[in-house]
Amino acid sequence: MTPALMKMWFALGAMGFMFISVFSIYLSRYKLKGFWKVLFSIIAYIFMILAGIIIFFVVFSGPVNE
Protein backbone atom coordinates (compact mmCIF):
# COMPACT_ATOMS: atom_id res chain seq x y z
CA MET A 1 0.00 0.00 0.00
CA THR A 2 1.37 3.40 -0.95
CA PRO A 3 2.01 6.15 1.62
CA ALA A 4 -0.75 8.27 0.08
CA LEU A 5 -3.32 5.50 0.62
CA MET A 6 -2.12 5.03 4.19
CA LYS A 7 -2.66 8.73 4.87
CA MET A 8 -6.12 8.48 3.33
CA TRP A 9 -7.11 5.58 5.61
CA PHE A 10 -5.80 7.39 8.68
CA ALA A 11 -7.83 10.47 7.73
CA LEU A 12 -10.96 8.36 7.20
CA GLY A 13 -10.39 6.72 10.57
CA ALA A 14 -10.15 10.17 12.17
CA MET A 15 -13.45 11.15 10.54
CA GLY A 16 -14.97 7.98 11.97
CA PHE A 17 -13.69 8.99 15.42
CA MET A 18 -15.36 12.38 14.94
CA PHE A 19 -18.66 10.74 14.00
CA ILE A 20 -18.50 8.50 17.08
CA SER A 21 -17.74 11.47 19.31
CA VAL A 22 -20.65 13.55 17.95
CA PHE A 23 -23.04 10.61 18.41
CA SER A 24 -21.74 10.01 21.95
CA ILE A 25 -22.12 13.67 22.90
CA TYR A 26 -25.69 13.62 21.60
CA LEU A 27 -26.48 10.54 23.69
CA SER A 28 -24.84 11.92 26.80
CA ARG A 29 -26.59 15.27 26.64
CA TYR A 30 -30.10 14.26 25.67
CA LYS A 31 -30.69 10.57 26.34
CA LEU A 32 -28.54 9.36 29.24
CA LYS A 33 -28.33 10.17 32.95
CA GLY A 34 -25.92 9.61 35.79
CA PHE A 35 -22.87 7.39 35.36
CA TRP A 36 -23.58 6.64 31.68
CA LYS A 37 -23.76 10.34 30.85
CA VAL A 38 -20.30 10.96 32.31
CA LEU A 39 -18.85 7.81 30.71
CA PHE A 40 -20.12 8.65 27.22
CA SER A 41 -18.92 12.25 27.56
CA ILE A 42 -15.42 11.13 28.50
CA ILE A 43 -15.31 8.62 25.64
CA ALA A 44 -16.55 11.28 23.21
CA TYR A 45 -13.92 13.81 24.19
CA ILE A 46 -11.16 11.18 24.02
CA PHE A 47 -12.23 10.26 20.48
CA MET A 48 -12.39 13.95 19.50
CA ILE A 49 -8.88 14.62 20.81
CA LEU A 50 -7.51 11.54 19.03
CA ALA A 51 -9.18 12.60 15.78
CA GLY A 52 -7.68 16.07 16.07
CA ILE A 53 -4.19 14.68 16.66
CA ILE A 54 -4.47 12.29 13.71
CA ILE A 55 -5.75 15.01 11.36
CA PHE A 56 -2.99 17.36 12.55
CA PHE A 57 -0.30 14.82 11.64
CA VAL A 58 -1.93 13.93 8.31
CA VAL A 59 -2.25 17.56 7.24
CA PHE A 60 1.15 18.76 8.40
CA SER A 61 3.13 15.74 7.19
CA GLY A 62 3.05 17.33 3.76
CA PRO A 63 2.34 15.94 0.32
CA VAL A 64 3.40 12.42 -0.59
CA ASN A 65 5.92 12.13 -3.43
CA GLU A 66 4.84 9.36 -5.77
PDB file of N, CA and C in Angstrom:
ATOM      1  N   MET A   1       0.844  -1.172   0.000  1.00  0.00           N
ATOM      2  CA  MET A   1       0.000   0.000   0.000  1.00  0.00           C
ATOM      3  C   MET A   1       0.894   1.241   0.000  1.00  0.00           C
ATOM      4  N   THR A   2       0.539   2.203  -0.820  1.00  0.00           N
ATOM      5  CA  THR A   2       1.365   3.399  -0.953  1.00  0.00           C
ATOM      6  C   THR A   2       1.171   4.322   0.255  1.00  0.00           C
ATOM      7  N   PRO A   3       2.142   5.205   0.498  1.00  0.00           N
ATOM      8  CA  PRO A   3       2.010   6.148   1.616  1.00  0.00           C
ATOM      9  C   PRO A   3       0.786   7.063   1.495  1.00  0.00           C
ATOM     10  N   ALA A   4       0.422   7.415   0.271  1.00  0.00           N
ATOM     11  CA  ALA A   4      -0.753   8.269   0.085  1.00  0.00           C
ATOM     12  C   ALA A   4      -2.026   7.551   0.525  1.00  0.00           C
ATOM     13  N   LEU A   5      -2.139   6.265   0.193  1.00  0.00           N
ATOM     14  CA  LEU A   5      -3.318   5.504   0.618  1.00  0.00           C
ATOM     15  C   LEU A   5      -3.344   5.316   2.131  1.00  0.00           C
ATOM     16  N   MET A   6      -2.172   5.154   2.730  1.00  0.00           N
ATOM     17  CA  MET A   6      -2.116   5.028   4.189  1.00  0.00           C
ATOM     18  C   MET A   6      -2.614   6.311   4.858  1.00  0.00           C
ATOM     19  N   LYS A   7      -2.187   7.461   4.314  1.00  0.00           N
ATOM     20  CA  LYS A   7      -2.660   8.730   4.866  1.00  0.00           C
ATOM     21  C   LYS A   7      -4.164   8.870   4.697  1.00  0.00           C
ATOM     22  N   MET A   8      -4.691   8.402   3.565  1.00  0.00           N
ATOM     23  CA  MET A   8      -6.123   8.479   3.328  1.00  0.00           C
ATOM     24  C   MET A   8      -6.889   7.656   4.362  1.00  0.00           C
ATOM     25  N   TRP A   9      -6.425   6.441   4.645  1.00  0.00           N
ATOM     26  CA  TRP A   9      -7.113   5.585   5.606  1.00  0.00           C
ATOM     27  C   TRP A   9      -7.048   6.153   7.015  1.00  0.00           C
ATOM     28  N   PHE A  10      -5.895   6.751   7.369  1.00  0.00           N
ATOM     29  CA  PHE A  10      -5.802   7.392   8.682  1.00  0.00           C
ATOM     30  C   PHE A  10      -6.773   8.560   8.786  1.00  0.00           C
ATOM     31  N   ALA A  11      -6.898   9.345   7.723  1.00  0.00           N
ATOM     32  CA  ALA A  11      -7.829  10.471   7.729  1.00  0.00           C
ATOM     33  C   ALA A  11      -9.274   9.985   7.816  1.00  0.00           C
ATOM     34  N   LEU A  12      -9.600   8.919   7.106  1.00  0.00           N
ATOM     35  CA  LEU A  12     -10.957   8.362   7.201  1.00  0.00           C
ATOM     36  C   LEU A  12     -11.234   7.814   8.590  1.00  0.00           C
ATOM     37  N   GLY A  13     -10.241   7.198   9.197  1.00  0.00           N
ATOM     38  CA  GLY A  13     -10.395   6.721  10.568  1.00  0.00           C
ATOM     39  C   GLY A  13     -10.637   7.875  11.529  1.00  0.00           C
ATOM     40  N   ALA A  14      -9.943   8.988  11.335  1.00  0.00           N
ATOM     41  CA  ALA A  14     -10.147  10.168  12.173  1.00  0.00           C
ATOM     42  C   ALA A  14     -11.561  10.723  11.998  1.00  0.00           C
ATOM     43  N   MET A  15     -12.068  10.700  10.762  1.00  0.00           N
ATOM     44  CA  MET A  15     -13.445  11.147  10.539  1.00  0.00           C
ATOM     45  C   MET A  15     -14.441  10.216  11.224  1.00  0.00           C
ATOM     46  N   GLY A  16     -14.137   8.921  11.235  1.00  0.00           N
ATOM     47  CA  GLY A  16     -14.972   7.978  11.970  1.00  0.00           C
ATOM     48  C   GLY A  16     -14.965   8.275  13.460  1.00  0.00           C
ATOM     49  N   PHE A  17     -13.779   8.606  14.007  1.00  0.00           N
ATOM     50  CA  PHE A  17     -13.693   8.989  15.417  1.00  0.00           C
ATOM     51  C   PHE A  17     -14.550  10.218  15.691  1.00  0.00           C
ATOM     52  N   MET A  18     -14.546  11.180  14.764  1.00  0.00           N
ATOM     53  CA  MET A  18     -15.364  12.379  14.945  1.00  0.00           C
ATOM     54  C   MET A  18     -16.849  12.038  14.939  1.00  0.00           C
ATOM     55  N   PHE A  19     -17.256  11.150  14.042  1.00  0.00           N
ATOM     56  CA  PHE A  19     -18.661  10.736  14.003  1.00  0.00           C
ATOM     57  C   PHE A  19     -19.056  10.064  15.312  1.00  0.00           C
ATOM     58  N   ILE A  20     -18.218   9.173  15.817  1.00  0.00           N
ATOM     59  CA  ILE A  20     -18.498   8.497  17.082  1.00  0.00           C
ATOM     60  C   ILE A  20     -18.596   9.502  18.223  1.00  0.00           C
ATOM     61  N   SER A  21     -17.710  10.494  18.227  1.00  0.00           N
ATOM     62  CA  SER A  21     -17.737  11.475  19.308  1.00  0.00           C
ATOM     63  C   SER A  21     -18.991  12.350  19.249  1.00  0.00           C
ATOM     64  N   VAL A  22     -19.419  12.741  18.064  1.00  0.00           N
ATOM     65  CA  VAL A  22     -20.647  13.546  17.946  1.00  0.00           C
ATOM     66  C   VAL A  22     -21.850  12.731  18.404  1.00  0.00           C
ATOM     67  N   PHE A  23     -21.930  11.478  18.001  1.00  0.00           N
ATOM     68  CA  PHE A  23     -23.041  10.614  18.411  1.00  0.00           C
ATOM     69  C   PHE A  23     -23.023  10.403  19.927  1.00  0.00           C
ATOM     70  N   SER A  24     -21.842  10.219  20.513  1.00  0.00           N
ATOM     71  CA  SER A  24     -21.739  10.007  21.954  1.00  0.00           C
ATOM     72  C   SER A  24     -22.122  11.260  22.729  1.00  0.00           C
ATOM     73  N   ILE A  25     -21.732  12.427  22.234  1.00  0.00           N
ATOM     74  CA  ILE A  25     -22.119  13.675  22.896  1.00  0.00           C
ATOM     75  C   ILE A  25     -23.632  13.855  22.844  1.00  0.00           C
ATOM     76  N   TYR A  26     -24.231  13.530  21.700  1.00  0.00           N
ATOM     77  CA  TYR A  26     -25.692  13.618  21.602  1.00  0.00           C
ATOM     78  C   TYR A  26     -26.361  12.714  22.630  1.00  0.00           C
ATOM     79  N   LEU A  27     -25.892  11.471  22.717  1.00  0.00           N
ATOM     80  CA  LEU A  27     -26.477  10.543  23.686  1.00  0.00           C
ATOM     81  C   LEU A  27     -26.294  11.037  25.110  1.00  0.00           C
ATOM     82  N   SER A  28     -25.108  11.515  25.430  1.00  0.00           N
ATOM     83  CA  SER A  28     -24.841  11.915  26.802  1.00  0.00           C
ATOM     84  C   SER A  28     -25.621  13.164  27.203  1.00  0.00           C
ATOM     85  N   ARG A  29     -25.879  14.042  26.274  1.00  0.00           N
ATOM     86  CA  ARG A  29     -26.590  15.268  26.641  1.00  0.00           C
ATOM     87  C   ARG A  29     -28.105  15.109  26.681  1.00  0.00           C
ATOM     88  N   TYR A  30     -28.647  14.287  25.801  1.00  0.00           N
ATOM     89  CA  TYR A  30     -30.104  14.257  25.671  1.00  0.00           C
ATOM     90  C   TYR A  30     -30.763  12.954  26.061  1.00  0.00           C
ATOM     91  N   LYS A  31     -30.037  11.856  26.118  1.00  0.00           N
ATOM     92  CA  LYS A  31     -30.685  10.568  26.338  1.00  0.00           C
ATOM     93  C   LYS A  31     -30.263   9.873  27.635  1.00  0.00           C
ATOM     94  N   LEU A  32     -29.064  10.120  28.111  1.00  0.00           N
ATOM     95  CA  LEU A  32     -28.537   9.359  29.240  1.00  0.00           C
ATOM     96  C   LEU A  32     -28.494  10.200  30.507  1.00  0.00           C
ATOM     97  N   LYS A  33     -28.413   9.495  31.658  1.00  0.00           N
ATOM     98  CA  LYS A  33     -28.325  10.175  32.951  1.00  0.00           C
ATOM     99  C   LYS A  33     -27.327   9.447  33.834  1.00  0.00           C
ATOM    100  N   GLY A  34     -26.775  10.202  34.779  1.00  0.00           N
ATOM    101  CA  GLY A  34     -25.919   9.606  35.792  1.00  0.00           C
ATOM    102  C   GLY A  34     -24.561   9.168  35.275  1.00  0.00           C
ATOM    103  N   PHE A  35     -24.176   7.949  35.690  1.00  0.00           N
ATOM    104  CA  PHE A  35     -22.872   7.388  35.359  1.00  0.00           C
ATOM    105  C   PHE A  35     -22.674   7.275  33.857  1.00  0.00           C
ATOM    106  N   TRP A  36     -23.705   6.838  33.128  1.00  0.00           N
ATOM    107  CA  TRP A  36     -23.584   6.637  31.682  1.00  0.00           C
ATOM    108  C   TRP A  36     -23.353   7.956  30.956  1.00  0.00           C
ATOM    109  N   LYS A  37     -23.961   9.027  31.459  1.00  0.00           N
ATOM    110  CA  LYS A  37     -23.764  10.342  30.852  1.00  0.00           C
ATOM    111  C   LYS A  37     -22.297  10.759  30.943  1.00  0.00           C
ATOM    112  N   VAL A  38     -21.709  10.587  32.111  1.00  0.00           N
ATOM    113  CA  VAL A  38     -20.301  10.958  32.310  1.00  0.00           C
ATOM    114  C   VAL A  38     -19.396  10.057  31.473  1.00  0.00           C
ATOM    115  N   LEU A  39     -19.677   8.756  31.460  1.00  0.00           N
ATOM    116  CA  LEU A  39     -18.851   7.815  30.711  1.00  0.00           C
ATOM    117  C   LEU A  39     -18.860   8.124  29.215  1.00  0.00           C
ATOM    118  N   PHE A  40     -20.039   8.355  28.649  1.00  0.00           N
ATOM    119  CA  PHE A  40     -20.124   8.647  27.224  1.00  0.00           C
ATOM    120  C   PHE A  40     -19.493   9.986  26.884  1.00  0.00           C
ATOM    121  N   SER A  41     -19.572  10.962  27.789  1.00  0.00           N
ATOM    122  CA  SER A  41     -18.918  12.246  27.555  1.00  0.00           C
ATOM    123  C   SER A  41     -17.405  12.092  27.520  1.00  0.00           C
ATOM    124  N   ILE A  42     -16.860  11.345  28.460  1.00  0.00           N
ATOM    125  CA  ILE A  42     -15.416  11.130  28.500  1.00  0.00           C
ATOM    126  C   ILE A  42     -14.949  10.404  27.248  1.00  0.00           C
ATOM    127  N   ILE A  43     -15.661   9.360  26.854  1.00  0.00           N
ATOM    128  CA  ILE A  43     -15.314   8.617  25.638  1.00  0.00           C
ATOM    129  C   ILE A  43     -15.371   9.537  24.419  1.00  0.00           C
ATOM    130  N   ALA A  44     -16.399  10.375  24.348  1.00  0.00           N
ATOM    131  CA  ALA A  44     -16.550  11.277  23.205  1.00  0.00           C
ATOM    132  C   ALA A  44     -15.392  12.251  23.115  1.00  0.00           C
ATOM    133  N   TYR A  45     -15.007  12.836  24.230  1.00  0.00           N
ATOM    134  CA  TYR A  45     -13.916  13.809  24.185  1.00  0.00           C
ATOM    135  C   TYR A  45     -12.577  13.143  23.895  1.00  0.00           C
ATOM    136  N   ILE A  46     -12.380  11.917  24.355  1.00  0.00           N
ATOM    137  CA  ILE A  46     -11.156  11.184  24.022  1.00  0.00           C
ATOM    138  C   ILE A  46     -11.085  10.928  22.517  1.00  0.00           C
ATOM    139  N   PHE A  47     -12.197  10.484  21.924  1.00  0.00           N
ATOM    140  CA  PHE A  47     -12.227  10.256  20.478  1.00  0.00           C
ATOM    141  C   PHE A  47     -11.998  11.555  19.703  1.00  0.00           C
ATOM    142  N   MET A  48     -12.563  12.675  20.183  1.00  0.00           N
ATOM    143  CA  MET A  48     -12.392  13.949  19.496  1.00  0.00           C
ATOM    144  C   MET A  48     -10.932  14.412  19.553  1.00  0.00           C
ATOM    145  N   ILE A  49     -10.294  14.234  20.692  1.00  0.00           N
ATOM    146  CA  ILE A  49      -8.883  14.619  20.815  1.00  0.00           C
ATOM    147  C   ILE A  49      -8.012  13.746  19.918  1.00  0.00           C
ATOM    148  N   LEU A  50      -8.265  12.435  19.905  1.00  0.00           N
ATOM    149  CA  LEU A  50      -7.506  11.540  19.029  1.00  0.00           C
ATOM    150  C   LEU A  50      -7.692  11.903  17.558  1.00  0.00           C
ATOM    151  N   ALA A  51      -8.922  12.207  17.172  1.00  0.00           N
ATOM    152  CA  ALA A  51      -9.180  12.602  15.781  1.00  0.00           C
ATOM    153  C   ALA A  51      -8.426  13.872  15.427  1.00  0.00           C
ATOM    154  N   GLY A  52      -8.402  14.832  16.322  1.00  0.00           N
ATOM    155  CA  GLY A  52      -7.677  16.068  16.071  1.00  0.00           C
ATOM    156  C   GLY A  52      -6.187  15.840  15.914  1.00  0.00           C
ATOM    157  N   ILE A  53      -5.617  14.984  16.749  1.00  0.00           N
ATOM    158  CA  ILE A  53      -4.189  14.684  16.657  1.00  0.00           C
ATOM    159  C   ILE A  53      -3.871  13.985  15.341  1.00  0.00           C
ATOM    160  N   ILE A  54      -4.695  13.019  14.964  1.00  0.00           N
ATOM    161  CA  ILE A  54      -4.467  12.294  13.709  1.00  0.00           C
ATOM    162  C   ILE A  54      -4.556  13.239  12.516  1.00  0.00           C
ATOM    163  N   ILE A  55      -5.591  14.071  12.468  1.00  0.00           N
ATOM    164  CA  ILE A  55      -5.746  15.006  11.360  1.00  0.00           C
ATOM    165  C   ILE A  55      -4.586  16.000  11.326  1.00  0.00           C
ATOM    166  N   PHE A  56      -4.130  16.450  12.487  1.00  0.00           N
ATOM    167  CA  PHE A  56      -2.989  17.358  12.551  1.00  0.00           C
ATOM    168  C   PHE A  56      -1.767  16.733  11.883  1.00  0.00           C
ATOM    169  N   PHE A  57      -1.470  15.483  12.225  1.00  0.00           N
ATOM    170  CA  PHE A  57      -0.304  14.823  11.640  1.00  0.00           C
ATOM    171  C   PHE A  57      -0.485  14.540  10.148  1.00  0.00           C
ATOM    172  N   VAL A  58      -1.695  14.194   9.736  1.00  0.00           N
ATOM    173  CA  VAL A  58      -1.933  13.933   8.310  1.00  0.00           C
ATOM    174  C   VAL A  58      -1.759  15.217   7.492  1.00  0.00           C
ATOM    175  N   VAL A  59      -2.308  16.307   7.988  1.00  0.00           N
ATOM    176  CA  VAL A  59      -2.247  17.555   7.240  1.00  0.00           C
ATOM    177  C   VAL A  59      -0.837  18.125   7.210  1.00  0.00           C
ATOM    178  N   PHE A  60      -0.159  18.113   8.341  1.00  0.00           N
ATOM    179  CA  PHE A  60       1.151  18.757   8.404  1.00  0.00           C
ATOM    180  C   PHE A  60       2.319  17.841   8.055  1.00  0.00           C
ATOM    181  N   SER A  61       2.035  16.612   7.653  1.00  0.00           N
ATOM    182  CA  SER A  61       3.133  15.742   7.188  1.00  0.00           C
ATOM    183  C   SER A  61       3.513  16.059   5.752  1.00  0.00           C
ATOM    184  N   GLY A  62       2.713  16.872   5.096  1.00  0.00           N
ATOM    185  CA  GLY A  62       3.049  17.325   3.758  1.00  0.00           C
ATOM    186  C   GLY A  62       2.571  16.375   2.682  1.00  0.00           C
ATOM    187  N   PRO A  63       2.766  16.778   1.434  1.00  0.00           N
ATOM    188  CA  PRO A  63       2.343  15.938   0.322  1.00  0.00           C
ATOM    189  C   PRO A  63       3.242  14.695   0.182  1.00  0.00           C
ATOM    190  N   VAL A  64       2.671  13.674  -0.382  1.00  0.00           N
ATOM    191  CA  VAL A  64       3.402  12.418  -0.588  1.00  0.00           C
ATOM    192  C   VAL A  64       3.981  12.430  -2.003  1.00  0.00           C
ATOM    193  N   ASN A  65       5.268  12.170  -2.116  1.00  0.00           N
ATOM    194  CA  ASN A  65       5.916  12.126  -3.431  1.00  0.00           C
ATOM    195  C   ASN A  65       5.764  10.733  -4.025  1.00  0.00           C
ATOM    196  N   GLU A  66       5.066  10.656  -5.107  1.00  0.00           N
ATOM    197  CA  GLU A  66       4.838   9.355  -5.772  1.00  0.00           C
ATOM    198  C   GLU A  66       5.434   9.391  -7.143  1.00  0.00           C
TER     199      GLU A  66
END
